Amino acid sequence: MIIIIINSSKKKAFRRSKRIIASVLQPISNRISLGDIPKRVLIELCKNLKISVTKGTSIQIFFESKNIGFRGFKCIQIGSIKTHLEEFTTSKSLIDLDLISNKLIINNTP
């Protein structure tokens, strides 16, 4: 699945999270990484980033959401600094069940 990661972290948190992200995805600029990784690697990446969260951490992970007849991107925000980036789709997809079972997102959508 296609992954876009925007790293808006500050100072030491930026360097720490950049190392974790660069181990999985190719950076296309200083703060943006893009790549194609399997679902299990995405889940492990999110877990590793959640372990290293500090107050300066702000990471947005956009991943491809495939539904029958509709495609878009969903967003996971990691860190204490929240931004106003929106998802490209709001419908449920098959990966939502895996993300909920791994406690990466909360089941609050209908």
C-alpha atoms as a PDB file:
ATOM      1  CA  MET A   1       0.000   0.000   0.000  1.00  0.00           C
ATOM      2  CA  ILE A   2       1.135   3.541  -0.727  1.00  0.00           C
ATOM      3  CA  ILE A   3       2.311   5.526   2.316  1.00  0.00           C
ATOM      4  CA  ILE A   4       3.015   9.272   2.664  1.00  0.00           C
ATOM      5  CA  ILE A   5       4.570  10.438   5.950  1.00  0.00           C
ATOM      6  CA  ILE A   6       4.844  14.098   6.970  1.00  0.00           C
ATOM      7  CA  ASN A   7       7.205  14.651   9.900  1.00  0.00           C
ATOM      8  CA  SER A   8       6.460  18.000  11.604  1.00  0.00           C
ATOM      9  CA  SER A   9       8.366  17.178  14.784  1.00  0.00           C
ATOM     10  CA  LYS A  10      10.711  19.604  16.506  1.00  0.00           C
ATOM     11  CA  LYS A  11      14.443  19.364  17.349  1.00  0.00           C
ATOM     12  CA  LYS A  12      15.470  16.032  18.934  1.00  0.00           C
ATOM     13  CA  ALA A  13      12.071  14.470  18.289  1.00  0.00           C
ATOM     14  CA  PHE A  14      12.522  15.201  14.574  1.00  0.00           C
ATOM     15  CA  ARG A  15      15.896  13.452  14.422  1.00  0.00           C
ATOM     16  CA  ARG A  16      14.632  10.450  16.392  1.00  0.00           C
ATOM     17  CA  SER A  17      11.494   9.991  14.296  1.00  0.00           C
ATOM     18  CA  LYS A  18      13.378  10.597  11.040  1.00  0.00           C
ATOM     19  CA  ARG A  19      15.694   7.663  11.845  1.00  0.00           C
ATOM     20  CA  ILE A  20      12.732   5.366  12.469  1.00  0.00           C
ATOM     21  CA  ILE A  21      10.955   6.453   9.279  1.00  0.00           C
ATOM     22  CA  ALA A  22      14.118   6.270   7.122  1.00  0.00           C
ATOM     23  CA  SER A  23      14.632   2.644   8.145  1.00  0.00           C
ATOM     24  CA  VAL A  24      11.416   1.773   6.293  1.00  0.00           C
ATOM     25  CA  LEU A  25      10.709   4.475   3.672  1.00  0.00           C
ATOM     26  CA  GLN A  26      12.715   6.537   1.223  1.00  0.00           C
ATOM     27  CA  PRO A  27      12.695  10.263   2.104  1.00  0.00           C
ATOM     28  CA  ILE A  28      11.782  12.570  -0.803  1.00  0.00           C
ATOM     29  CA  SER A  29      12.511  15.773   1.132  1.00  0.00           C
ATOM     30  CA  ASN A  30      13.690  16.673   4.622  1.00  0.00           C
ATOM     31  CA  ARG A  31      10.256  16.167   6.217  1.00  0.00           C
ATOM     32  CA  ILE A  32       8.312  14.007   3.721  1.00  0.00           C
ATOM     33  CA  SER A  33       8.730  10.298   3.006  1.00  0.00           C
ATOM     34  CA  LEU A  34       6.943   8.281   0.354  1.00  0.00           C
ATOM     35  CA  GLY A  35       6.892   4.587  -0.371  1.00  0.00           C
ATOM     36  CA  ASP A  36       5.076   1.339  -0.921  1.00  0.00           C
ATOM     37  CA  ILE A  37       5.132  -1.017   2.077  1.00  0.00           C
ATOM     38  CA  PRO A  38       2.995  -3.966   3.235  1.00  0.00           C
ATOM     39  CA  LYS A  39       0.352  -3.612   5.938  1.00  0.00           C
ATOM     40  CA  ARG A  40       2.351  -5.479   8.607  1.00  0.00           C
ATOM     41  CA  VAL A  41       5.307  -3.094   8.129  1.00  0.00           C
ATOM     42  CA  LEU A  42       2.954  -0.097   8.442  1.00  0.00           C
ATOM     43  CA  ILE A  43       1.612  -1.449  11.736  1.00  0.00           C
ATOM     44  CA  GLU A  44       5.143  -2.027  13.090  1.00  0.00           C
ATOM     45  CA  LEU A  45       6.199   1.468  11.957  1.00  0.00           C
ATOM     46  CA  CYS A  46       3.251   3.034  13.803  1.00  0.00           C
ATOM     47  CA  LYS A  47       4.052   1.027  16.942  1.00  0.00           C
ATOM     48  CA  ASN A  48       7.716   2.089  16.866  1.00  0.00           C
ATOM     49  CA  LEU A  49       6.769   5.736  16.379  1.00  0.00           C
ATOM     50  CA  LYS A  50       4.244   5.593  19.245  1.00  0.00           C
ATOM     51  CA  ILE A  51       6.919   4.185  21.562  1.00  0.00           C
ATOM     52  CA  SER A  52       9.240   7.140  20.880  1.00  0.00           C
ATOM     53  CA  VAL A  53       6.646   9.936  21.270  1.00  0.00           C
ATOM     54  CA  THR A  54       7.746  13.054  23.167  1.00  0.00           C
ATOM     55  CA  LYS A  55       6.100  16.454  23.523  1.00  0.00           C
ATOM     56  CA  GLY A  56       7.786  17.723  20.335  1.00  0.00           C
ATOM     57  CA  THR A  57       6.634  14.839  18.144  1.00  0.00           C
ATOM     58  CA  SER A  58       4.143  15.439  15.341  1.00  0.00           C
ATOM     59  CA  ILE A  59       3.846  12.856  12.563  1.00  0.00           C
ATOM     60  CA  GLN A  60       1.050  12.343  10.048  1.00  0.00           C
ATOM     61  CA  ILE A  61       0.862   9.034   8.201  1.00  0.00           C
ATOM     62  CA  PHE A  62      -1.379   8.939   5.128  1.00  0.00           C
ATOM     63  CA  PHE A  63      -2.034   5.451   3.787  1.00  0.00           C
ATOM     64  CA  GLU A  64      -4.030   4.179   0.843  1.00  0.00           C
ATOM     65  CA  SER A  65      -7.529   3.028   1.736  1.00  0.00           C
ATOM     66  CA  LYS A  66      -9.036   0.618  -0.767  1.00  0.00           C
ATOM     67  CA  ASN A  67     -12.771   0.007  -0.684  1.00  0.00           C
ATOM     68  CA  ILE A  68     -15.046  -1.520  -3.256  1.00  0.00           C
ATOM     69  CA  GLY A  69     -15.585   1.208  -5.832  1.00  0.00           C
ATOM     70  CA  PHE A  70     -13.787   3.954  -3.883  1.00  0.00           C
ATOM     71  CA  ARG A  71     -10.169   4.795  -3.072  1.00  0.00           C
ATOM     72  CA  GLY A  72      -8.661   7.489  -0.936  1.00  0.00           C
ATOM     73  CA  PHE A  73      -6.150   8.149   1.822  1.00  0.00           C
ATOM     74  CA  LYS A  74      -6.653   7.801   5.569  1.00  0.00           C
ATOM     75  CA  CYS A  75      -4.577   9.622   8.163  1.00  0.00           C
ATOM     76  CA  ILE A  76      -3.024   8.529  11.466  1.00  0.00           C
ATOM     77  CA  GLN A  77      -1.627  11.343  13.617  1.00  0.00           C
ATOM     78  CA  ILE A  78       1.096  10.422  16.086  1.00  0.00           C
ATOM     79  CA  GLY A  79       2.356  12.826  18.727  1.00  0.00           C
ATOM     80  CA  SER A  80       1.154  15.551  21.016  1.00  0.00           C
ATOM     81  CA  ILE A  81       1.088  18.354  18.424  1.00  0.00           C
ATOM     82  CA  LYS A  82      -2.022  17.878  16.291  1.00  0.00           C
ATOM     83  CA  THR A  83      -2.322  19.489  12.869  1.00  0.00           C
ATOM     84  CA  HIS A  84      -5.369  20.211  10.767  1.00  0.00           C
ATOM     85  CA  LEU A  85      -4.665  17.768   7.948  1.00  0.00           C
ATOM     86  CA  GLU A  86      -7.783  15.917   6.854  1.00  0.00           C
ATOM     87  CA  GLU A  87      -8.373  12.454   5.480  1.00  0.00           C
ATOM     88  CA  PHE A  88      -9.189  12.141   1.806  1.00  0.00           C
ATOM     89  CA  THR A  89     -11.836   9.553   2.623  1.00  0.00           C
ATOM     90  CA  THR A  90     -14.021   8.835   5.624  1.00  0.00           C
ATOM     91  CA  SER A  91     -15.503   5.458   4.709  1.00  0.00           C
ATOM     92  CA  LYS A  92     -14.393   2.334   6.572  1.00  0.00           C
ATOM     93  CA  SER A  93     -11.868   0.058   4.913  1.00  0.00           C
ATOM     94  CA  LEU A  94     -10.475  -3.401   5.611  1.00  0.00           C
ATOM     95  CA  ILE A  95      -7.287  -2.072   7.216  1.00  0.00           C
ATOM     96  CA  ASP A  96      -9.339  -0.299   9.909  1.00  0.00           C
ATOM     97  CA  LEU A  97      -9.957  -3.638  11.645  1.00  0.00           C
ATOM     98  CA  ASP A  98      -6.213  -4.321  11.851  1.00  0.00           C
ATOM     99  CA  LEU A  99      -5.469  -0.810  13.109  1.00  0.00           C
ATOM    100  CA  ILE A 100      -8.189  -1.050  15.772  1.00  0.00           C
ATOM    101  CA  SER A 101      -7.000  -4.479  16.933  1.00  0.00           C
ATOM    102  CA  ASN A 102      -3.431  -3.124  17.290  1.00  0.00           C
ATOM    103  CA  LYS A 103      -4.778  -0.070  19.181  1.00  0.00           C
ATOM    104  CA  LEU A 104      -3.419   2.389  16.617  1.00  0.00           C
ATOM    105  CA  ILE A 105      -6.792   4.053  16.028  1.00  0.00           C
ATOM    106  CA  ILE A 106      -9.950   4.285  18.112  1.00  0.00           C
ATOM    107  CA  ASN A 107     -13.219   2.854  16.828  1.00  0.00           C
ATOM    108  CA  ASN A 108     -15.307   6.034  16.952  1.00  0.00           C
ATOM    109  CA  THR A 109     -16.558   6.208  13.362  1.00  0.00           C
ATOM    110  CA  PRO A 110     -19.944   4.688  12.463  1.00  0.00           C
END
